[in-house]
Amino acid sequence: MTKVRLAIVGCGTISRLNAPGYLEHPQCEVAALCDPAPERAEQRAAQWGITPRIYSSYDQVLDDPDIDAIELLTPTPLHADQSIAALQAGKHVSCQKPMARNLEEAARLAEAAAKADTFYRVTENFLYYPPLVKAKELIESGVIGDPNMVRMRVVVTSVEAESVRLPLAPDALTWRRDPLLNPGGLLYDEGAHKYATAMWWVGEPESVSATVTRTDDYMVDAPSVVVWRFKDANCLAVFEYASAPEMRIRAPYYALDDFFEIQGTKGLIWVTRCSGEMLDLPPVMLHTGSETVSYQVPMDWIEGFKGAARDFIDGIIAGHQPRLDVQASTQVLRASLAAYASDAAQQPIDPSTLS
């Protein structure tokens, strides 16, 4: 295959981040857009300067023999069944995280992926975001020694509406606030990025402990903290999730900010820039005790999405599995669900014991 004909399914807010990498790839054609509101798909086509086929039904995409691959940007409750249907229809699948709502759905998806002749992956933009990639390179170089603590923080805050490029549509919040459709709030949804990043840097967790705050707003389960021990390393990770609704920061995409710290036996790394722009610091900083080295790398958050798109298309063309495959995605889901299970049980949870 020398060119991948892609359908983007779901033309809501997040498509504005996922699409550019595909539109820029010389071996990808965005051949179809699908949305239950076809006028939204038509609006995106006009914005992107393309003339794809416009579908309002997912079945139309699956029945189109000219579609090789699907970028699935639909609500989480639809991910498992839609991914399985696409694999059974012979399409390559890139699915927005999280992969599923529960492990039963994930198991069915894994079975379908094992039988398919096409690739399945979860779109995880954090694994391609240049500052986080640079941190990964520094860890692997040994410059900080053996990692023993990974700290990840997200604060959900408030910004002036005109400064946000990606305001959420009202209908995008409805299913997210329904506990029958969504297994958790932002600790679950945003946490998927953090668990995937920590596993990429260090490895899988063997135990997860969490304290989760429930609020009247189902989406904002903050303040919360998740701590886990890695399986094959003398290392802990801490994920802190806080809310500061009266705090205003620079946040061009969404009203939140991230910070990462990786402490090793010889030094530490800070990643100060992600979806928000709160800190006036270089995006990556290496501290060795006697000196600080700064690294200027591309730091617009959209670069991670573009990298994810490149890996999907390049993987299809070259015949190699893009990250994250179904097994790695299931491990991320297990960690996400283990945080809530730990809070409910008031004790550490081994993610591998969840069913």
Protein backbone atom coordinates (compact mmCIF):
# COMPACT_ATOMS: atom_id res chain seq x y z
CA MET A 1 0.00 0.00 0.00
CA THR A 2 1.42 3.39 -1.02
CA LYS A 3 -1.47 5.62 0.06
CA VAL A 4 -3.92 5.25 2.95
CA ARG A 5 -7.49 6.39 2.38
CA LEU A 6 -8.77 7.50 5.77
CA ALA A 7 -12.22 8.22 7.18
CA ILE A 8 -12.49 10.53 10.18
CA VAL A 9 -15.51 9.43 12.19
CA GLY A 10 -16.71 12.14 14.56
CA CYS A 11 -16.16 15.75 13.53
CA GLY A 12 -16.47 17.42 16.92
CA THR A 13 -13.96 19.55 18.78
CA ILE A 14 -11.13 17.01 19.03
CA SER A 15 -11.11 16.45 15.26
CA ARG A 16 -9.49 19.88 14.91
CA LEU A 17 -6.43 18.43 16.68
CA ASN A 18 -6.43 14.95 15.14
CA ALA A 19 -7.00 15.88 11.50
CA PRO A 20 -4.02 18.16 10.65
CA GLY A 21 -1.43 15.39 10.89
CA TYR A 22 -3.38 13.28 8.41
CA LEU A 23 -3.99 16.23 6.09
CA GLU A 24 -0.26 16.98 6.04
CA HIS A 25 0.88 13.39 5.44
CA PRO A 26 1.84 12.88 1.77
CA GLN A 27 0.70 9.25 1.83
CA CYS A 28 -2.70 9.85 3.42
CA GLU A 29 -5.93 10.96 1.80
CA VAL A 30 -8.79 12.01 4.09
CA ALA A 31 -11.36 10.43 1.80
CA ALA A 32 -14.44 10.59 4.03
CA LEU A 33 -15.86 12.43 7.01
CA CYS A 34 -18.66 10.96 9.10
CA ASP A 35 -20.82 12.66 11.71
CA PRO A 36 -24.48 12.20 12.73
CA ALA A 37 -24.78 15.95 12.05
CA PRO A 38 -23.60 16.03 8.41
CA GLU A 39 -23.46 19.82 8.42
CA ARG A 40 -20.68 19.57 10.99
CA ALA A 41 -18.70 17.27 8.68
CA GLU A 42 -19.30 19.68 5.79
CA GLN A 43 -18.04 22.55 7.95
CA ARG A 44 -14.83 20.65 8.75
CA ALA A 45 -14.30 19.80 5.08
CA ALA A 46 -14.55 23.48 4.19
CA GLN A 47 -12.17 24.45 7.01
CA TRP A 48 -9.62 21.87 5.90
CA GLY A 49 -9.93 22.62 2.20
CA ILE A 50 -10.87 19.08 1.15
CA THR A 51 -13.76 17.48 -0.75
CA PRO A 52 -14.32 14.10 0.95
CA ARG A 53 -17.40 11.94 0.89
CA ILE A 54 -19.74 13.01 3.69
CA TYR A 55 -21.50 10.28 5.65
CA SER A 56 -24.03 10.56 8.46
CA SER A 57 -24.05 6.83 9.29
CA TYR A 58 -21.11 4.77 10.54
CA ASP A 59 -22.37 1.80 8.51
CA GLN A 60 -21.79 3.85 5.36
CA VAL A 61 -18.10 4.12 6.28
CA LEU A 62 -17.81 0.40 6.98
CA ASP A 63 -19.49 -0.43 3.67
CA ASP A 64 -17.20 1.84 1.64
CA PRO A 65 -14.60 -0.41 -0.05
CA ASP A 66 -12.36 2.57 -0.77
CA ILE A 67 -11.76 3.30 2.94
CA ASP A 68 -8.62 1.64 4.30
CA ALA A 69 -8.52 3.10 7.80
CA ILE A 70 -10.65 4.91 10.36
CA GLU A 71 -9.78 7.59 12.90
CA LEU A 72 -12.51 7.06 15.51
CA LEU A 73 -13.35 10.25 17.44
CA THR A 74 -16.74 9.27 18.84
CA PRO A 75 -17.90 9.22 22.50
CA THR A 76 -16.24 6.60 24.73
CA PRO A 77 -19.41 4.46 25.13
CA LEU A 78 -19.24 3.73 21.38
CA HIS A 79 -15.52 2.93 21.12
CA ALA A 80 -15.49 -0.82 21.69
CA ASP A 81 -18.40 -1.80 19.44
CA GLN A 82 -17.38 0.62 16.67
CA SER A 83 -13.74 -0.55 16.78
CA ILE A 84 -14.80 -4.21 16.61
CA ALA A 85 -17.14 -3.52 13.68
CA ALA A 86 -14.36 -1.70 11.80
CA LEU A 87 -11.85 -4.51 12.36
CA GLN A 88 -14.39 -7.06 11.17
CA ALA A 89 -14.96 -4.91 8.09
CA GLY A 90 -11.24 -5.06 7.28
CA LYS A 91 -10.37 -1.49 8.26
CA HIS A 92 -7.35 -0.31 10.22
CA VAL A 93 -8.52 1.44 13.41
CA SER A 94 -7.12 4.36 15.36
CA CYS A 95 -9.40 5.00 18.34
CA GLN A 96 -9.50 8.03 20.60
CA LYS A 97 -8.69 7.14 24.20
CA PRO A 98 -10.03 5.56 26.35
CA MET A 99 -10.39 2.33 24.36
CA ALA A 100 -13.49 1.17 26.28
CA ARG A 101 -15.55 1.68 29.41
CA ASN A 102 -14.68 -1.60 31.10
CA LEU A 103 -12.52 -4.69 30.81
CA GLU A 104 -15.28 -6.83 29.33
CA GLU A 105 -15.45 -4.46 26.37
CA ALA A 106 -11.64 -4.40 26.18
CA ALA A 107 -11.52 -8.22 26.09
CA ARG A 108 -13.99 -8.37 23.22
CA LEU A 109 -11.96 -5.77 21.38
CA ALA A 110 -8.73 -7.69 21.97
CA GLU A 111 -10.33 -10.84 20.55
CA ALA A 112 -11.41 -8.95 17.43
CA ALA A 113 -7.96 -7.40 17.02
CA ALA A 114 -6.30 -10.82 17.28
CA LYS A 115 -8.49 -12.16 14.46
CA ALA A 116 -8.07 -9.12 12.21
CA ASP A 117 -5.57 -8.71 9.40
CA THR A 118 -5.52 -4.97 10.07
CA PHE A 119 -4.01 -2.81 12.83
CA TYR A 120 -5.77 -1.46 15.93
CA ARG A 121 -4.27 1.25 18.08
CA VAL A 122 -5.40 3.86 20.59
CA THR A 123 -4.51 7.43 19.66
CA GLU A 124 -2.25 8.61 22.51
CA ASN A 125 -0.89 12.02 21.57
CA PHE A 126 1.22 12.31 24.75
CA LEU A 127 3.58 9.60 23.48
CA TYR A 128 4.46 11.80 20.50
CA TYR A 129 4.54 15.22 22.18
CA PRO A 130 8.13 16.52 21.65
CA PRO A 131 8.86 17.59 25.28
CA LEU A 132 7.71 14.18 26.59
CA VAL A 133 9.67 12.41 23.83
CA LYS A 134 12.77 14.39 24.87
CA ALA A 135 12.23 13.35 28.48
CA LYS A 136 12.04 9.71 27.33
CA GLU A 137 15.35 10.13 25.46
CA LEU A 138 17.02 11.64 28.53
CA ILE A 139 15.77 8.81 30.76
CA GLU A 140 17.09 6.20 28.34
CA SER A 141 20.45 7.99 28.08
CA GLY A 142 21.02 7.35 31.81
CA VAL A 143 21.73 11.01 32.57
CA ILE A 144 19.42 10.97 35.62
CA GLY A 145 20.36 7.43 36.67
CA ASP A 146 17.61 5.01 37.63
CA PRO A 147 14.17 6.68 37.92
CA ASN A 148 12.66 6.29 41.38
CA MET A 149 9.80 8.82 41.34
CA VAL A 150 7.51 10.08 38.60
CA ARG A 151 5.27 12.99 39.51
CA MET A 152 2.47 14.15 37.21
CA ARG A 153 0.13 17.01 37.98
CA VAL A 154 -2.89 18.42 36.20
CA VAL A 155 -4.88 21.43 37.36
CA VAL A 156 -8.22 22.14 35.73
CA THR A 157 -8.80 25.84 35.83
CA SER A 158 -10.57 28.72 34.12
CA VAL A 159 -9.49 30.99 31.29
CA GLU A 160 -10.99 33.84 29.35
CA ALA A 161 -13.33 32.25 26.81
CA GLU A 162 -11.87 34.11 23.85
CA SER A 163 -8.40 32.66 24.50
CA VAL A 164 -9.49 29.03 24.16
CA ARG A 165 -9.22 27.63 20.64
CA LEU A 166 -11.22 24.49 21.36
CA PRO A 167 -14.37 25.28 23.35
CA LEU A 168 -16.40 22.14 23.95
CA ALA A 169 -19.80 21.90 22.33
CA PRO A 170 -22.64 21.46 24.88
CA ASP A 171 -23.53 17.99 23.53
CA ALA A 172 -19.95 16.86 24.13
CA LEU A 173 -20.52 17.16 27.89
CA THR A 174 -23.81 15.27 28.15
CA TRP A 175 -22.48 11.69 27.98
CA ARG A 176 -19.36 12.63 29.98
CA ARG A 177 -21.56 13.59 32.93
CA ASP A 178 -23.58 10.35 32.84
CA PRO A 179 -22.15 7.61 35.12
CA LEU A 180 -24.05 4.98 33.11
CA LEU A 181 -22.13 5.99 29.98
CA ASN A 182 -18.78 7.11 31.38
CA PRO A 183 -16.99 5.18 34.17
CA GLY A 184 -15.32 8.25 35.68
CA GLY A 185 -14.69 11.95 35.47
CA LEU A 186 -11.60 13.79 34.32
CA LEU A 187 -9.46 11.64 36.63
CA TYR A 188 -10.39 8.77 34.30
CA ASP A 189 -10.38 10.67 31.03
CA GLU A 190 -7.30 12.85 31.59
CA GLY A 191 -5.67 10.15 33.68
CA ALA A 192 -5.42 7.85 30.65
CA HIS A 193 -2.75 10.19 29.26
CA LYS A 194 -0.80 10.12 32.51
CA TYR A 195 -0.90 6.34 32.98
CA ALA A 196 0.17 5.80 29.36
CA THR A 197 3.05 8.26 29.73
CA ALA A 198 4.31 6.73 32.99
CA MET A 199 4.16 3.20 31.55
CA TRP A 200 6.04 4.36 28.45
CA TRP A 201 8.75 5.91 30.62
CA VAL A 202 9.13 3.22 33.30
CA GLY A 203 6.77 0.23 32.95
CA GLU A 204 3.54 -1.33 34.20
CA PRO A 205 2.13 -0.75 37.71
CA GLU A 206 1.87 -3.62 40.16
CA SER A 207 -0.29 -1.78 42.71
CA VAL A 208 -2.45 1.35 42.63
CA SER A 209 -3.67 3.40 45.59
CA ALA A 210 -6.01 6.36 45.21
CA THR A 211 -8.10 8.90 47.06
CA VAL A 212 -10.83 10.27 44.82
CA THR A 213 -13.04 13.25 45.63
CA ARG A 214 -16.58 13.09 44.32
CA THR A 215 -18.26 16.40 43.52
CA ASP A 216 -21.66 17.53 42.29
CA ASP A 217 -20.12 17.87 38.84
CA TYR A 218 -19.42 14.27 37.79
CA MET A 219 -16.66 15.37 35.44
CA VAL A 220 -14.59 17.19 38.07
CA ASP A 221 -13.57 14.50 40.58
CA ALA A 222 -10.97 16.69 42.27
CA PRO A 223 -8.89 17.01 44.34
CA SER A 224 -7.71 13.44 43.83
CA VAL A 225 -4.39 11.65 44.01
CA VAL A 226 -3.25 8.32 42.56
CA VAL A 227 -0.05 6.56 43.66
CA TRP A 228 1.34 3.41 42.14
CA ARG A 229 4.36 1.18 42.36
CA PHE A 230 5.95 -0.04 39.16
CA LYS A 231 6.23 -3.79 38.61
CA ASP A 232 9.85 -4.15 37.52
CA ALA A 233 11.50 -1.00 38.90
CA ASN A 234 12.20 0.51 42.31
CA CYS A 235 10.04 3.47 41.37
CA LEU A 236 6.77 5.10 42.41
CA ALA A 237 4.47 7.38 40.46
CA VAL A 238 2.13 10.08 41.75
CA PHE A 239 -0.68 11.60 39.71
CA GLU A 240 -2.18 14.71 41.31
CA TYR A 241 -5.42 16.12 39.95
CA ALA A 242 -6.64 19.48 41.25
CA SER A 243 -9.27 22.06 40.40
CA ALA A 244 -8.77 25.83 40.53
CA PRO A 245 -11.90 27.37 38.96
CA GLU A 246 -10.99 30.92 40.02
CA MET A 247 -7.44 30.75 38.63
CA ARG A 248 -6.76 32.13 35.18
CA ILE A 249 -3.82 30.85 33.14
CA ARG A 250 -2.69 30.79 29.54
CA ALA A 251 -4.27 27.68 28.03
CA PRO A 252 -4.78 27.94 24.27
CA TYR A 253 -6.54 24.60 23.83
CA TYR A 254 -8.28 23.48 27.02
CA ALA A 255 -8.60 25.07 30.44
CA LEU A 256 -5.99 22.95 32.20
CA ASP A 257 -2.25 22.72 32.75
CA ASP A 258 0.13 19.76 33.14
CA PHE A 259 3.50 19.35 34.84
CA PHE A 260 5.81 16.32 34.89
CA GLU A 261 8.83 15.50 37.06
CA ILE A 262 11.03 12.41 36.78
CA GLN A 263 13.45 11.97 39.67
CA GLY A 264 16.40 9.64 39.24
CA THR A 265 19.38 8.60 41.32
CA LYS A 266 21.62 11.18 39.58
CA GLY A 267 19.25 13.99 38.63
CA LEU A 268 15.76 14.98 37.62
CA ILE A 269 13.80 16.16 34.59
CA TRP A 270 10.96 18.67 34.41
CA VAL A 271 8.48 18.88 31.55
CA THR A 272 6.79 22.22 32.08
CA ARG A 273 4.67 22.59 28.95
CA CYS A 274 1.83 20.49 27.61
CA SER A 275 -1.76 21.51 26.87
CA GLY A 276 -1.43 24.64 29.02
CA GLU A 277 1.16 27.41 29.15
CA MET A 278 1.16 28.39 32.82
CA LEU A 279 4.92 28.40 33.49
CA ASP A 280 7.37 30.77 31.79
CA LEU A 281 10.07 28.10 31.62
CA PRO A 282 11.73 26.05 28.88
CA PRO A 283 9.59 23.02 27.98
CA VAL A 284 12.21 20.50 29.19
CA MET A 285 14.74 21.07 32.00
CA LEU A 286 17.42 18.68 33.28
CA HIS A 287 18.70 19.27 36.83
CA THR A 288 21.80 17.40 38.01
CA GLY A 289 22.37 19.26 41.27
CA SER A 290 25.35 21.25 40.04
CA GLU A 291 23.82 22.52 36.81
CA THR A 292 20.58 22.97 34.90
CA VAL A 293 20.31 22.28 31.19
CA SER A 294 17.32 23.54 29.19
CA TYR A 295 16.04 21.99 25.97
CA GLN A 296 14.02 23.97 23.47
CA VAL A 297 11.92 21.57 21.43
CA PRO A 298 8.64 22.12 19.57
CA MET A 299 6.02 22.63 22.26
CA ASP A 300 2.72 23.39 20.59
CA TRP A 301 0.40 20.71 21.95
CA ILE A 302 -0.89 19.86 18.48
CA GLU A 303 2.53 18.40 17.62
CA GLY A 304 1.71 15.29 19.65
CA PHE A 305 -1.43 14.70 17.59
CA LYS A 306 0.50 15.18 14.37
CA GLY A 307 3.09 12.65 15.52
CA ALA A 308 0.36 10.15 16.37
CA ALA A 309 -1.14 10.56 12.89
CA ARG A 310 2.24 10.02 11.23
CA ASP A 311 2.86 6.82 13.20
CA PHE A 312 -0.54 5.39 12.26
CA ILE A 313 -0.13 6.05 8.54
CA ASP A 314 3.55 5.05 8.47
CA GLY A 315 2.73 1.85 10.37
CA ILE A 316 0.01 0.85 7.92
CA ILE A 317 2.26 1.49 4.91
CA ALA A 318 5.29 -0.27 6.40
CA GLY A 319 3.28 -3.10 7.96
CA HIS A 320 4.31 -2.48 11.59
CA GLN A 321 2.07 -2.02 14.62
CA PRO A 322 1.63 1.62 15.69
CA ARG A 323 1.58 2.50 19.41
CA LEU A 324 -0.57 1.84 21.54
CA ASP A 325 -1.68 -1.67 20.58
CA VAL A 326 -4.64 -3.42 22.18
CA GLN A 327 -2.57 -5.02 24.96
CA ALA A 328 -0.89 -1.78 26.03
CA SER A 329 -4.20 0.08 25.80
CA THR A 330 -5.81 -2.51 28.06
CA GLN A 331 -3.06 -1.98 30.66
CA VAL A 332 -3.79 1.75 30.60
CA LEU A 333 -7.49 1.05 31.07
CA ARG A 334 -6.72 -1.28 33.99
CA ALA A 335 -4.71 1.45 35.72
CA SER A 336 -7.52 3.96 35.20
CA LEU A 337 -10.14 1.62 36.65
CA ALA A 338 -7.83 0.53 39.49
CA ALA A 339 -7.73 4.09 40.81
CA TYR A 340 -11.49 4.12 41.37
CA ALA A 341 -11.45 0.54 42.70
CA SER A 342 -8.77 1.48 45.21
CA ASP A 343 -10.74 4.47 46.47
CA ALA A 344 -13.88 2.34 46.83
CA ALA A 345 -12.03 -0.45 48.68
CA GLN A 346 -9.78 1.94 50.65
CA GLN A 347 -6.78 -0.25 49.89
CA PRO A 348 -4.15 -0.77 47.16
CA ILE A 349 -5.34 -2.64 44.07
CA ASP A 350 -3.31 -4.83 41.74
CA PRO A 351 -4.63 -3.83 38.29
CA SER A 352 -4.08 -7.36 36.96
CA THR A 353 -6.73 -8.68 39.39
CA LEU A 354 -9.52 -6.55 37.95
CA SER A 355 -12.04 -8.27 35.72
